[in-house]
Amino acid sequence: MIKLYMLTLEQNPGNEVSGCLMRLISPEKAKKIARISSADKKKQRLYSELFARAVIGRHLEITNEEISFEFSDMGKPFLAGYPDFHFNISHTGGAVLLGISDAPVGVDIERIRPVHAKIARRFFAPAEREYVGEGNGYSRRFFEIWTAKEAFLKKEGLGISVPLSSFDVTSKDIDGLFSRFEWEDYIICCCAAEAAEFPCVISEREFMELYLEQLI
């Protein structure tokens, strides 16, 4: 069982996040978010945490107070007390992606944007660089590979311990693990032993009206 959820965020430059929302997450996480100088990034990190708590709480039928996130030695988050429950989260400009499963899962989301070719030369395996190529569609193909690499490392719980160029996500033994989607200008990738369906897309307003109340 794999379920994907995507939260779309409104871009409100300069707006500070609400202090009452910060109280819905752990004090340690709140302190880290408070140190972020960018208002947009601060909001993104806060809503990533709130979104994960709300969706996981609803899925497992537990309260916000019962949710305690911990981390493996490689930095992969897990839910304390629920060894058979797996989740993974990713965020990029204006969006948060959450994957939940009963087996290891890794997810990544990126907004398609211009990217310099030297990044592919540095971080991609030869076959991946050949797939990305150049010219029209380069940025989309680049983020197809980038999100797959990130999702694979996150699923395996390897973090940044493995060089990105040391494995090839286009190879037959790895490529079958990916479910790939596009939504507007976003590339979405899920890495798991079974296929995932297109994510449930939730707007910020829907989240505030339908999900946030269960955290209070």
N, C-alpha and C. Protein backbone atom coordinates (compact mmCIF):
# COMPACT_ATOMS: atom_id res chain seq x y z
N MET A 1 0.83 -1.19 0.00
CA MET A 1 0.00 0.00 0.00
C MET A 1 0.88 1.25 0.00
N ILE A 2 0.71 2.08 -1.01
CA ILE A 2 1.42 3.37 -1.06
C ILE A 2 0.40 4.45 -1.38
N LYS A 3 0.45 5.53 -0.61
CA LYS A 3 -0.40 6.67 -0.88
C LYS A 3 0.47 7.93 -0.92
N LEU A 4 0.22 8.75 -1.92
CA LEU A 4 0.95 10.01 -2.08
C LEU A 4 0.00 11.17 -1.87
N TYR A 5 0.48 12.18 -1.17
CA TYR A 5 -0.29 13.40 -0.92
C TYR A 5 0.59 14.60 -1.26
N MET A 6 -0.01 15.56 -1.94
CA MET A 6 0.72 16.77 -2.33
C MET A 6 -0.02 17.99 -1.81
N LEU A 7 0.70 18.85 -1.11
CA LEU A 7 0.16 20.10 -0.59
C LEU A 7 0.71 21.26 -1.42
N THR A 8 -0.17 22.07 -1.97
CA THR A 8 0.26 23.26 -2.72
C THR A 8 0.13 24.48 -1.82
N LEU A 9 1.18 25.28 -1.78
CA LEU A 9 1.24 26.43 -0.88
C LEU A 9 1.10 27.74 -1.64
N GLU A 10 0.40 28.67 -1.05
CA GLU A 10 0.30 30.00 -1.61
C GLU A 10 1.59 30.76 -1.33
N GLN A 11 2.03 31.51 -2.32
CA GLN A 11 3.27 32.27 -2.17
C GLN A 11 2.93 33.68 -1.68
N ASN A 12 3.29 33.95 -0.42
CA ASN A 12 3.01 35.26 0.19
C ASN A 12 4.32 35.84 0.72
N PRO A 13 5.13 36.42 -0.15
CA PRO A 13 6.44 36.93 0.28
C PRO A 13 6.32 37.92 1.43
N GLY A 14 7.16 37.72 2.44
CA GLY A 14 7.20 38.65 3.55
C GLY A 14 6.25 38.34 4.69
N ASN A 15 5.33 37.41 4.48
CA ASN A 15 4.39 37.08 5.55
C ASN A 15 5.04 36.13 6.56
N GLU A 16 4.93 36.47 7.82
CA GLU A 16 5.48 35.61 8.86
C GLU A 16 4.50 34.49 9.19
N VAL A 17 5.03 33.33 9.58
CA VAL A 17 4.17 32.22 9.94
C VAL A 17 3.56 32.49 11.31
N SER A 18 2.40 31.92 11.54
CA SER A 18 1.68 32.14 12.79
C SER A 18 2.35 31.40 13.95
N GLY A 19 2.49 32.11 15.07
CA GLY A 19 3.07 31.50 16.26
C GLY A 19 2.24 30.35 16.78
N CYS A 20 0.92 30.42 16.62
CA CYS A 20 0.06 29.34 17.11
C CYS A 20 0.28 28.05 16.33
N LEU A 21 0.67 28.16 15.06
CA LEU A 21 0.97 26.97 14.27
C LEU A 21 2.28 26.34 14.72
N MET A 22 3.22 27.16 15.12
CA MET A 22 4.51 26.64 15.59
C MET A 22 4.34 25.81 16.85
N ARG A 23 3.32 26.08 17.61
CA ARG A 23 3.10 25.34 18.85
C ARG A 23 2.53 23.94 18.59
N LEU A 24 2.16 23.65 17.35
CA LEU A 24 1.60 22.35 17.01
C LEU A 24 2.68 21.32 16.66
N ILE A 25 3.93 21.76 16.60
CA ILE A 25 5.02 20.85 16.29
C ILE A 25 5.95 20.75 17.49
N SER A 26 6.96 19.91 17.41
CA SER A 26 7.84 19.72 18.54
C SER A 26 8.66 20.99 18.80
N PRO A 27 9.01 21.26 20.04
CA PRO A 27 9.82 22.45 20.36
C PRO A 27 11.15 22.46 19.62
N GLU A 28 11.77 21.29 19.46
CA GLU A 28 13.06 21.21 18.77
C GLU A 28 12.91 21.64 17.30
N LYS A 29 11.84 21.13 16.64
CA LYS A 29 11.61 21.49 15.25
C LYS A 29 11.25 22.97 15.13
N ALA A 30 10.47 23.47 16.06
CA ALA A 30 10.07 24.88 16.04
C ALA A 30 11.29 25.80 16.14
N LYS A 31 12.25 25.42 16.98
CA LYS A 31 13.46 26.24 17.12
C LYS A 31 14.25 26.27 15.82
N LYS A 32 14.35 25.12 15.15
CA LYS A 32 15.08 25.07 13.88
C LYS A 32 14.40 25.94 12.83
N ILE A 33 13.07 25.86 12.76
CA ILE A 33 12.34 26.65 11.78
C ILE A 33 12.45 28.14 12.08
N ALA A 34 12.42 28.49 13.35
CA ALA A 34 12.50 29.90 13.75
C ALA A 34 13.81 30.54 13.31
N ARG A 35 14.86 29.74 13.16
CA ARG A 35 16.16 30.28 12.77
C ARG A 35 16.28 30.53 11.27
N ILE A 36 15.29 30.07 10.48
CA ILE A 36 15.33 30.28 9.03
C ILE A 36 14.99 31.74 8.73
N SER A 37 15.83 32.40 7.96
CA SER A 37 15.64 33.83 7.70
C SER A 37 14.59 34.11 6.64
N SER A 38 14.49 33.26 5.62
CA SER A 38 13.53 33.47 4.54
C SER A 38 12.11 33.13 5.01
N ALA A 39 11.17 34.06 4.85
CA ALA A 39 9.79 33.82 5.26
C ALA A 39 9.16 32.68 4.46
N ASP A 40 9.45 32.62 3.16
CA ASP A 40 8.88 31.57 2.32
C ASP A 40 9.41 30.20 2.73
N LYS A 41 10.72 30.09 2.98
CA LYS A 41 11.31 28.82 3.38
C LYS A 41 10.84 28.41 4.78
N LYS A 42 10.67 29.40 5.63
CA LYS A 42 10.18 29.11 6.98
C LYS A 42 8.77 28.53 6.91
N LYS A 43 7.93 29.14 6.08
CA LYS A 43 6.56 28.63 5.91
C LYS A 43 6.58 27.23 5.32
N GLN A 44 7.44 27.01 4.33
CA GLN A 44 7.51 25.71 3.68
C GLN A 44 7.90 24.61 4.66
N ARG A 45 8.90 24.86 5.50
CA ARG A 45 9.34 23.87 6.49
C ARG A 45 8.25 23.61 7.52
N LEU A 46 7.59 24.67 7.96
CA LEU A 46 6.53 24.51 8.96
C LEU A 46 5.37 23.71 8.40
N TYR A 47 4.92 24.06 7.19
CA TYR A 47 3.78 23.36 6.61
C TYR A 47 4.12 21.93 6.23
N SER A 48 5.39 21.65 5.91
CA SER A 48 5.80 20.27 5.67
C SER A 48 5.57 19.43 6.92
N GLU A 49 5.97 19.98 8.06
CA GLU A 49 5.80 19.28 9.32
C GLU A 49 4.32 19.13 9.68
N LEU A 50 3.56 20.20 9.54
CA LEU A 50 2.13 20.15 9.86
C LEU A 50 1.40 19.17 8.94
N PHE A 51 1.75 19.19 7.66
CA PHE A 51 1.10 18.32 6.68
C PHE A 51 1.37 16.86 7.02
N ALA A 52 2.62 16.54 7.32
CA ALA A 52 2.96 15.16 7.68
C ALA A 52 2.20 14.72 8.92
N ARG A 53 2.15 15.58 9.93
CA ARG A 53 1.45 15.23 11.16
C ARG A 53 -0.05 15.02 10.92
N ALA A 54 -0.65 15.89 10.14
CA ALA A 54 -2.09 15.80 9.91
C ALA A 54 -2.46 14.55 9.11
N VAL A 55 -1.73 14.28 8.03
CA VAL A 55 -2.05 13.13 7.18
C VAL A 55 -1.75 11.82 7.91
N ILE A 56 -0.60 11.75 8.57
CA ILE A 56 -0.24 10.54 9.31
C ILE A 56 -1.21 10.29 10.46
N GLY A 57 -1.56 11.35 11.16
CA GLY A 57 -2.51 11.20 12.26
C GLY A 57 -3.86 10.70 11.79
N ARG A 58 -4.32 11.23 10.67
CA ARG A 58 -5.60 10.78 10.12
C ARG A 58 -5.51 9.34 9.65
N HIS A 59 -4.39 8.97 9.01
CA HIS A 59 -4.23 7.62 8.48
C HIS A 59 -4.17 6.58 9.60
N LEU A 60 -3.44 6.88 10.67
CA LEU A 60 -3.27 5.93 11.77
C LEU A 60 -4.29 6.11 12.89
N GLU A 61 -5.11 7.15 12.76
CA GLU A 61 -6.12 7.46 13.77
C GLU A 61 -5.48 7.69 15.14
N ILE A 62 -4.47 8.57 15.14
CA ILE A 62 -3.80 8.95 16.38
C ILE A 62 -3.79 10.47 16.47
N THR A 63 -3.57 10.98 17.68
CA THR A 63 -3.56 12.43 17.89
C THR A 63 -2.19 13.01 17.61
N ASN A 64 -2.15 14.32 17.48
CA ASN A 64 -0.89 15.01 17.26
C ASN A 64 0.09 14.75 18.39
N GLU A 65 -0.41 14.67 19.61
CA GLU A 65 0.45 14.42 20.78
C GLU A 65 1.10 13.04 20.73
N GLU A 66 0.50 12.10 20.01
CA GLU A 66 1.04 10.75 19.91
C GLU A 66 2.09 10.62 18.81
N ILE A 67 2.27 11.67 18.03
CA ILE A 67 3.21 11.63 16.91
C ILE A 67 4.57 12.14 17.36
N SER A 68 5.58 11.28 17.24
CA SER A 68 6.95 11.64 17.58
C SER A 68 7.86 11.18 16.45
N PHE A 69 8.45 12.13 15.75
CA PHE A 69 9.35 11.80 14.65
C PHE A 69 10.78 11.63 15.17
N GLU A 70 11.42 10.56 14.75
CA GLU A 70 12.82 10.33 15.07
C GLU A 70 13.57 10.08 13.77
N PHE A 71 14.89 9.92 13.88
CA PHE A 71 15.72 9.81 12.67
C PHE A 71 16.72 8.67 12.81
N SER A 72 16.94 7.99 11.68
CA SER A 72 17.94 6.93 11.65
C SER A 72 19.33 7.56 11.68
N ASP A 73 20.36 6.72 11.77
CA ASP A 73 21.73 7.22 11.78
C ASP A 73 22.06 7.99 10.50
N MET A 74 21.38 7.65 9.41
CA MET A 74 21.61 8.32 8.13
C MET A 74 20.64 9.49 7.91
N GLY A 75 19.81 9.77 8.91
CA GLY A 75 18.94 10.93 8.81
C GLY A 75 17.56 10.69 8.25
N LYS A 76 17.18 9.41 8.02
CA LYS A 76 15.85 9.15 7.48
C LYS A 76 14.82 9.22 8.61
N PRO A 77 13.75 10.00 8.43
CA PRO A 77 12.75 10.12 9.50
C PRO A 77 11.87 8.88 9.61
N PHE A 78 11.45 8.58 10.84
CA PHE A 78 10.49 7.50 11.06
C PHE A 78 9.61 7.87 12.25
N LEU A 79 8.48 7.18 12.34
CA LEU A 79 7.51 7.45 13.39
C LEU A 79 7.77 6.53 14.57
N ALA A 80 8.13 7.10 15.69
CA ALA A 80 8.47 6.31 16.87
C ALA A 80 7.27 5.47 17.31
N GLY A 81 7.52 4.19 17.58
CA GLY A 81 6.47 3.29 18.05
C GLY A 81 5.69 2.60 16.97
N TYR A 82 6.00 2.88 15.69
CA TYR A 82 5.26 2.27 14.58
C TYR A 82 6.27 1.68 13.57
N PRO A 83 6.90 0.56 13.91
CA PRO A 83 7.95 0.01 13.05
C PRO A 83 7.47 -0.46 11.68
N ASP A 84 6.20 -0.75 11.52
CA ASP A 84 5.68 -1.23 10.24
C ASP A 84 5.06 -0.12 9.40
N PHE A 85 5.19 1.12 9.88
CA PHE A 85 4.67 2.27 9.13
C PHE A 85 5.86 3.06 8.60
N HIS A 86 5.79 3.40 7.32
CA HIS A 86 6.89 4.13 6.68
C HIS A 86 6.34 5.39 6.01
N PHE A 87 7.12 6.44 6.06
CA PHE A 87 6.74 7.67 5.36
C PHE A 87 7.99 8.38 4.88
N ASN A 88 7.79 9.28 3.93
CA ASN A 88 8.87 10.11 3.45
C ASN A 88 8.28 11.41 2.93
N ILE A 89 9.03 12.48 3.04
CA ILE A 89 8.50 13.79 2.69
C ILE A 89 9.53 14.59 1.91
N SER A 90 9.07 15.41 1.00
CA SER A 90 9.94 16.27 0.20
C SER A 90 9.22 17.59 -0.03
N HIS A 91 9.99 18.65 -0.17
CA HIS A 91 9.36 19.93 -0.47
C HIS A 91 10.22 20.73 -1.44
N THR A 92 9.57 21.56 -2.22
CA THR A 92 10.23 22.46 -3.15
C THR A 92 9.40 23.73 -3.18
N GLY A 93 9.77 24.69 -3.98
CA GLY A 93 9.06 25.96 -3.99
C GLY A 93 7.57 25.81 -4.24
N GLY A 94 6.76 26.09 -3.23
CA GLY A 94 5.32 26.08 -3.39
C GLY A 94 4.63 24.74 -3.24
N ALA A 95 5.34 23.68 -2.86
CA ALA A 95 4.69 22.37 -2.77
C ALA A 95 5.41 21.46 -1.79
N VAL A 96 4.61 20.55 -1.20
CA VAL A 96 5.11 19.53 -0.29
C VAL A 96 4.57 18.19 -0.77
N LEU A 97 5.42 17.16 -0.78
CA LEU A 97 5.01 15.82 -1.18
C LEU A 97 5.24 14.87 -0.02
N LEU A 98 4.22 14.07 0.29
CA LEU A 98 4.30 13.09 1.37
C LEU A 98 3.93 11.72 0.83
N GLY A 99 4.74 10.72 1.14
CA GLY A 99 4.42 9.34 0.79
C GLY A 99 4.30 8.50 2.05
N ILE A 100 3.26 7.70 2.16
CA ILE A 100 3.10 6.79 3.30
C ILE A 100 2.92 5.38 2.77
N SER A 101 3.44 4.40 3.52
CA SER A 101 3.43 3.03 3.04
C SER A 101 3.65 2.06 4.19
N ASP A 102 3.41 0.78 3.93
CA ASP A 102 3.73 -0.26 4.91
C ASP A 102 5.08 -0.90 4.60
N ALA A 103 5.85 -0.29 3.69
CA ALA A 103 7.20 -0.74 3.34
C ALA A 103 8.04 0.50 3.03
N PRO A 104 9.36 0.37 3.02
CA PRO A 104 10.21 1.54 2.77
C PRO A 104 9.82 2.29 1.50
N VAL A 105 9.82 3.61 1.59
CA VAL A 105 9.42 4.47 0.48
C VAL A 105 10.27 5.72 0.49
N GLY A 106 10.56 6.24 -0.69
CA GLY A 106 11.26 7.50 -0.83
C GLY A 106 10.56 8.36 -1.86
N VAL A 107 10.43 9.64 -1.60
CA VAL A 107 9.75 10.53 -2.54
C VAL A 107 10.59 11.78 -2.76
N ASP A 108 10.38 12.40 -3.91
CA ASP A 108 11.01 13.69 -4.18
C ASP A 108 10.15 14.47 -5.15
N ILE A 109 10.14 15.79 -4.98
CA ILE A 109 9.40 16.68 -5.86
C ILE A 109 10.27 17.89 -6.17
N GLU A 110 10.25 18.31 -7.41
CA GLU A 110 11.01 19.49 -7.83
C GLU A 110 10.18 20.29 -8.82
N ARG A 111 10.28 21.59 -8.72
CA ARG A 111 9.66 22.47 -9.72
C ARG A 111 10.64 22.58 -10.90
N ILE A 112 10.15 22.37 -12.10
CA ILE A 112 11.00 22.46 -13.28
C ILE A 112 11.46 23.90 -13.47
N ARG A 113 12.76 24.06 -13.60
CA ARG A 113 13.36 25.39 -13.74
C ARG A 113 14.67 25.24 -14.49
N PRO A 114 15.21 26.32 -15.01
CA PRO A 114 16.50 26.21 -15.73
C PRO A 114 17.60 25.70 -14.81
N VAL A 115 18.45 24.85 -15.34
CA VAL A 115 19.55 24.29 -14.55
C VAL A 115 20.77 24.16 -15.43
N HIS A 116 21.94 24.44 -14.89
CA HIS A 116 23.17 24.44 -15.66
C HIS A 116 23.61 23.01 -15.98
N ALA A 117 24.12 22.81 -17.17
CA ALA A 117 24.52 21.48 -17.62
C ALA A 117 25.66 20.90 -16.78
N LYS A 118 26.44 21.75 -16.13
CA LYS A 118 27.58 21.24 -15.35
C LYS A 118 27.11 20.40 -14.15
N ILE A 119 25.87 20.62 -13.69
CA ILE A 119 25.36 19.84 -12.57
C ILE A 119 25.17 18.39 -12.98
N ALA A 120 24.61 18.17 -14.18
CA ALA A 120 24.45 16.81 -14.69
C ALA A 120 25.81 16.16 -14.91
N ARG A 121 26.76 16.90 -15.44
CA ARG A 121 28.10 16.34 -15.68
C ARG A 121 28.76 15.92 -14.37
N ARG A 122 28.46 16.64 -13.29
CA ARG A 122 29.10 16.35 -12.01
C ARG A 122 28.41 15.22 -11.25
N PHE A 123 27.07 15.17 -11.29
CA PHE A 123 26.34 14.28 -10.40
C PHE A 123 25.68 13.08 -11.08
N PHE A 124 25.61 13.04 -12.40
CA PHE A 124 24.90 11.96 -13.09
C PHE A 124 25.87 10.92 -13.65
N ALA A 125 25.39 9.67 -13.69
CA ALA A 125 26.13 8.59 -14.32
C ALA A 125 26.11 8.78 -15.84
N PRO A 126 27.02 8.16 -16.59
CA PRO A 126 27.08 8.36 -18.05
C PRO A 126 25.76 8.13 -18.77
N ALA A 127 25.05 7.04 -18.45
CA ALA A 127 23.77 6.76 -19.13
C ALA A 127 22.73 7.83 -18.79
N GLU A 128 22.77 8.34 -17.60
CA GLU A 128 21.83 9.40 -17.20
C GLU A 128 22.13 10.69 -17.96
N ARG A 129 23.42 11.00 -18.10
CA ARG A 129 23.79 12.20 -18.86
C ARG A 129 23.36 12.07 -20.31
N GLU A 130 23.47 10.87 -20.85
CA GLU A 130 23.04 10.64 -22.24
C GLU A 130 21.54 10.83 -22.37
N TYR A 131 20.77 10.35 -21.38
CA TYR A 131 19.32 10.51 -21.42
C TYR A 131 18.93 11.98 -21.34
N VAL A 132 19.58 12.72 -20.46
CA VAL A 132 19.23 14.14 -20.28
C VAL A 132 19.54 14.92 -21.54
N GLY A 133 20.68 14.64 -22.17
CA GLY A 133 21.04 15.30 -23.42
C GLY A 133 21.15 16.80 -23.29
N GLU A 134 20.59 17.50 -24.25
CA GLU A 134 20.62 18.97 -24.24
C GLU A 134 19.48 19.48 -25.11
N GLY A 135 19.34 20.79 -25.19
CA GLY A 135 18.31 21.39 -26.05
C GLY A 135 16.93 21.37 -25.41
N ASN A 136 15.89 21.35 -26.24
CA ASN A 136 14.51 21.41 -25.75
C ASN A 136 14.20 20.27 -24.80
N GLY A 137 13.57 20.61 -23.69
CA GLY A 137 13.19 19.59 -22.71
C GLY A 137 14.28 19.18 -21.76
N TYR A 138 15.45 19.85 -21.86
CA TYR A 138 16.57 19.47 -21.00
C TYR A 138 16.22 19.55 -19.52
N SER A 139 15.61 20.66 -19.09
CA SER A 139 15.32 20.84 -17.66
C SER A 139 14.35 19.78 -17.15
N ARG A 140 13.33 19.44 -17.94
CA ARG A 140 12.38 18.42 -17.51
C ARG A 140 13.09 17.07 -17.36
N ARG A 141 13.90 16.70 -18.34
CA ARG A 141 14.61 15.42 -18.27
C ARG A 141 15.61 15.42 -17.12
N PHE A 142 16.26 16.57 -16.89
CA PHE A 142 17.19 16.66 -15.77
C PHE A 142 16.50 16.35 -14.46
N PHE A 143 15.32 16.94 -14.23
CA PHE A 143 14.63 16.73 -12.97
C PHE A 143 13.96 15.36 -12.89
N GLU A 144 13.71 14.72 -14.02
CA GLU A 144 13.28 13.32 -13.99
C GLU A 144 14.36 12.47 -13.33
N ILE A 145 15.61 12.70 -13.74
CA ILE A 145 16.73 11.94 -13.17
C ILE A 145 17.01 12.37 -11.74
N TRP A 146 17.03 13.67 -11.51
CA TRP A 146 17.36 14.18 -10.17
C TRP A 146 16.38 13.67 -9.12
N THR A 147 15.07 13.76 -9.41
CA THR A 147 14.08 13.30 -8.42
C THR A 147 14.18 11.80 -8.20
N ALA A 148 14.49 11.04 -9.25
CA ALA A 148 14.64 9.59 -9.10
C ALA A 148 15.83 9.27 -8.20
N LYS A 149 16.93 9.97 -8.39
CA LYS A 149 18.10 9.74 -7.54
C LYS A 149 17.81 10.05 -6.08
N GLU A 150 17.18 11.18 -5.84
CA GLU A 150 16.84 11.57 -4.48
C GLU A 150 15.88 10.57 -3.84
N ALA A 151 14.84 10.19 -4.59
CA ALA A 151 13.85 9.25 -4.06
C ALA A 151 14.48 7.90 -3.74
N PHE A 152 15.39 7.44 -4.60
CA PHE A 152 16.07 6.15 -4.37
C PHE A 152 16.91 6.19 -3.10
N LEU A 153 17.70 7.23 -2.93
CA LEU A 153 18.53 7.35 -1.73
C LEU A 153 17.68 7.43 -0.47
N LYS A 154 16.56 8.15 -0.56
CA LYS A 154 15.69 8.30 0.60
C LYS A 154 14.98 6.99 0.93
N LYS A 155 14.58 6.25 -0.09
CA LYS A 155 13.95 4.95 0.15
C LYS A 155 14.92 3.99 0.83
N GLU A 156 16.17 4.01 0.39
CA GLU A 156 17.19 3.13 0.96
C GLU A 156 17.72 3.65 2.29
N GLY A 157 17.38 4.89 2.65
CA GLY A 157 17.86 5.46 3.90
C GLY A 157 19.33 5.77 3.89
N LEU A 158 19.87 6.13 2.71
CA LEU A 158 21.31 6.34 2.57
C LEU A 158 21.72 7.80 2.73
N GLY A 159 20.78 8.72 2.64
CA GLY A 159 21.13 10.12 2.78
C GLY A 159 22.16 10.54 1.74
N ILE A 160 23.13 11.35 2.18
CA ILE A 160 24.15 11.83 1.25
C ILE A 160 25.44 11.01 1.37
N SER A 161 25.33 9.82 1.96
CA SER A 161 26.52 8.99 2.15
C SER A 161 27.01 8.36 0.85
N VAL A 162 26.15 8.32 -0.17
CA VAL A 162 26.50 7.71 -1.44
C VAL A 162 26.57 8.79 -2.52
N PRO A 163 27.67 8.88 -3.27
CA PRO A 163 27.76 9.88 -4.33
C PRO A 163 26.66 9.67 -5.38
N LEU A 164 26.05 10.74 -5.82
CA LEU A 164 24.95 10.63 -6.78
C LEU A 164 25.39 9.98 -8.10
N SER A 165 26.64 10.17 -8.46
CA SER A 165 27.11 9.63 -9.74
C SER A 165 27.48 8.15 -9.66
N SER A 166 27.39 7.55 -8.47
CA SER A 166 27.82 6.17 -8.29
C SER A 166 26.75 5.14 -8.65
N PHE A 167 25.55 5.57 -8.96
CA PHE A 167 24.50 4.64 -9.37
C PHE A 167 23.68 5.26 -10.49
N ASP A 168 23.03 4.41 -11.27
CA ASP A 168 22.32 4.82 -12.48
C ASP A 168 20.84 4.47 -12.37
N VAL A 169 19.98 5.47 -12.28
CA VAL A 169 18.55 5.21 -12.11
C VAL A 169 17.87 4.79 -13.41
N THR A 170 18.60 4.84 -14.52
CA THR A 170 18.03 4.33 -15.78
C THR A 170 18.31 2.84 -15.97
N SER A 171 19.11 2.23 -15.09
CA SER A 171 19.43 0.81 -15.21
C SER A 171 18.20 -0.04 -14.91
N LYS A 172 18.12 -1.22 -15.50
CA LYS A 172 16.94 -2.05 -15.39
C LYS A 172 16.64 -2.49 -13.96
N ASP A 173 17.68 -2.70 -13.16
CA ASP A 173 17.45 -3.19 -11.80
C ASP A 173 16.95 -2.11 -10.86
N ILE A 174 17.03 -0.84 -11.25
CA ILE A 174 16.56 0.26 -10.41
C ILE A 174 15.34 0.95 -11.00
N ASP A 175 15.31 1.09 -12.32
CA ASP A 175 14.26 1.87 -12.97
C ASP A 175 12.86 1.39 -12.64
N GLY A 176 12.69 0.09 -12.43
CA GLY A 176 11.36 -0.45 -12.14
C GLY A 176 10.80 -0.06 -10.78
N LEU A 177 11.62 0.56 -9.94
CA LEU A 177 11.16 0.96 -8.61
C LEU A 177 10.43 2.30 -8.62
N PHE A 178 10.44 3.02 -9.74
CA PHE A 178 9.95 4.39 -9.74
C PHE A 178 8.53 4.53 -10.30
N SER A 179 7.77 5.38 -9.65
CA SER A 179 6.50 5.88 -10.18
C SER A 179 6.70 7.37 -10.40
N ARG A 180 6.51 7.84 -11.63
CA ARG A 180 6.80 9.23 -11.97
C ARG A 180 5.53 9.93 -12.43
N PHE A 181 5.41 11.19 -12.02
CA PHE A 181 4.23 11.98 -12.37
C PHE A 181 4.66 13.42 -12.65
N GLU A 182 3.80 14.13 -13.40
CA GLU A 182 3.98 15.57 -13.57
C GLU A 182 2.67 16.25 -13.20
N TRP A 183 2.79 17.37 -12.50
CA TRP A 183 1.62 18.18 -12.15
C TRP A 183 2.01 19.64 -12.33
N GLU A 184 1.34 20.30 -13.29
CA GLU A 184 1.70 21.66 -13.68
C GLU A 184 3.20 21.69 -13.99
N ASP A 185 4.00 22.49 -13.28
CA ASP A 185 5.43 22.54 -13.58
C ASP A 185 6.27 21.79 -12.56
N TYR A 186 5.68 20.75 -11.95
CA TYR A 186 6.39 19.94 -10.97
C TYR A 186 6.66 18.53 -11.51
N ILE A 187 7.82 18.00 -11.17
CA ILE A 187 8.17 16.60 -11.41
C ILE A 187 8.07 15.88 -10.07
N ILE A 188 7.37 14.75 -10.05
CA ILE A 188 7.14 13.98 -8.83
C ILE A 188 7.67 12.57 -9.04
N CYS A 189 8.40 12.05 -8.05
CA CYS A 189 8.91 10.69 -8.16
C CYS A 189 8.74 9.96 -6.83
N CYS A 190 8.29 8.72 -6.91
CA CYS A 190 8.16 7.85 -5.74
C CYS A 190 8.97 6.58 -6.01
N CYS A 191 9.79 6.20 -5.05
CA CYS A 191 10.58 4.98 -5.16
C CYS A 191 10.10 3.97 -4.13
N ALA A 192 9.64 2.82 -4.59
CA ALA A 192 9.12 1.79 -3.69
C ALA A 192 9.04 0.47 -4.44
N ALA A 193 8.81 -0.60 -3.71
CA ALA A 193 8.75 -1.92 -4.32
C ALA A 193 7.49 -2.11 -5.15
N GLU A 194 6.45 -1.30 -4.90
CA GLU A 194 5.22 -1.38 -5.68
C GLU A 194 4.88 -0.02 -6.27
N ALA A 195 4.04 -0.02 -7.28
CA ALA A 195 3.70 1.22 -7.97
C ALA A 195 2.78 2.10 -7.12
N ALA A 196 2.93 3.39 -7.29
CA ALA A 196 2.06 4.36 -6.61
C ALA A 196 1.12 5.00 -7.61
N GLU A 197 -0.01 5.47 -7.12
CA GLU A 197 -0.95 6.19 -7.97
C GLU A 197 -0.70 7.69 -7.85
N PHE A 198 -1.27 8.45 -8.77
CA PHE A 198 -1.10 9.90 -8.78
C PHE A 198 -1.48 10.48 -7.41
N PRO A 199 -0.70 11.42 -6.91
CA PRO A 199 -0.97 11.93 -5.56
C PRO A 199 -2.29 12.67 -5.42
N CYS A 200 -2.83 12.63 -4.22
CA CYS A 200 -3.99 13.44 -3.87
C CYS A 200 -3.49 14.86 -3.64
N VAL A 201 -3.96 15.80 -4.45
CA VAL A 201 -3.49 17.18 -4.39
C VAL A 201 -4.42 18.00 -3.49
N ILE A 202 -3.83 18.66 -2.49
CA ILE A 202 -4.59 19.41 -1.49
C ILE A 202 -4.06 20.85 -1.47
N SER A 203 -4.95 21.80 -1.64
CA SER A 203 -4.53 23.20 -1.60
C SER A 203 -4.29 23.65 -0.16
N GLU A 204 -3.59 24.74 0.00
CA GLU A 204 -3.35 25.27 1.35
C GLU A 204 -4.67 25.58 2.05
N ARG A 205 -5.62 26.13 1.33
CA ARG A 205 -6.92 26.46 1.94
C ARG A 205 -7.65 25.20 2.39
N GLU A 206 -7.63 24.16 1.54
CA GLU A 206 -8.27 22.89 1.92
C GLU A 206 -7.58 22.29 3.14
N PHE A 207 -6.27 22.41 3.18
CA PHE A 207 -5.54 21.87 4.33
C PHE A 207 -5.94 22.60 5.61
N MET A 208 -6.02 23.91 5.56
CA MET A 208 -6.38 24.69 6.75
C MET A 208 -7.80 24.37 7.20
N GLU A 209 -8.71 24.13 6.24
CA GLU A 209 -10.11 23.92 6.58
C GLU A 209 -10.41 22.47 6.97
N LEU A 210 -9.73 21.50 6.35
CA LEU A 210 -10.11 20.10 6.52
C LEU A 210 -9.14 19.28 7.36
N TYR A 211 -7.89 19.71 7.46
CA TYR A 211 -6.88 18.89 8.12
C TYR A 211 -6.34 19.51 9.41
N LEU A 212 -6.18 20.82 9.42
CA LEU A 212 -5.45 21.45 10.51
C LEU A 212 -6.15 21.29 11.85
N GLU A 213 -7.48 21.26 11.86
CA GLU A 213 -8.22 21.21 13.11
C GLU A 213 -7.92 19.96 13.92
N GLN A 214 -7.52 18.87 13.28
CA GLN A 214 -7.24 17.65 14.01
C GLN A 214 -5.93 17.73 14.79
N LEU A 215 -5.09 18.73 14.48
CA LEU A 215 -3.84 18.89 15.20
C LEU A 215 -4.01 19.70 16.49
N ILE A 216 -5.09 20.42 16.57
CA ILE A 216 -5.29 21.36 17.70
C ILE A 216 -5.82 20.62 18.93
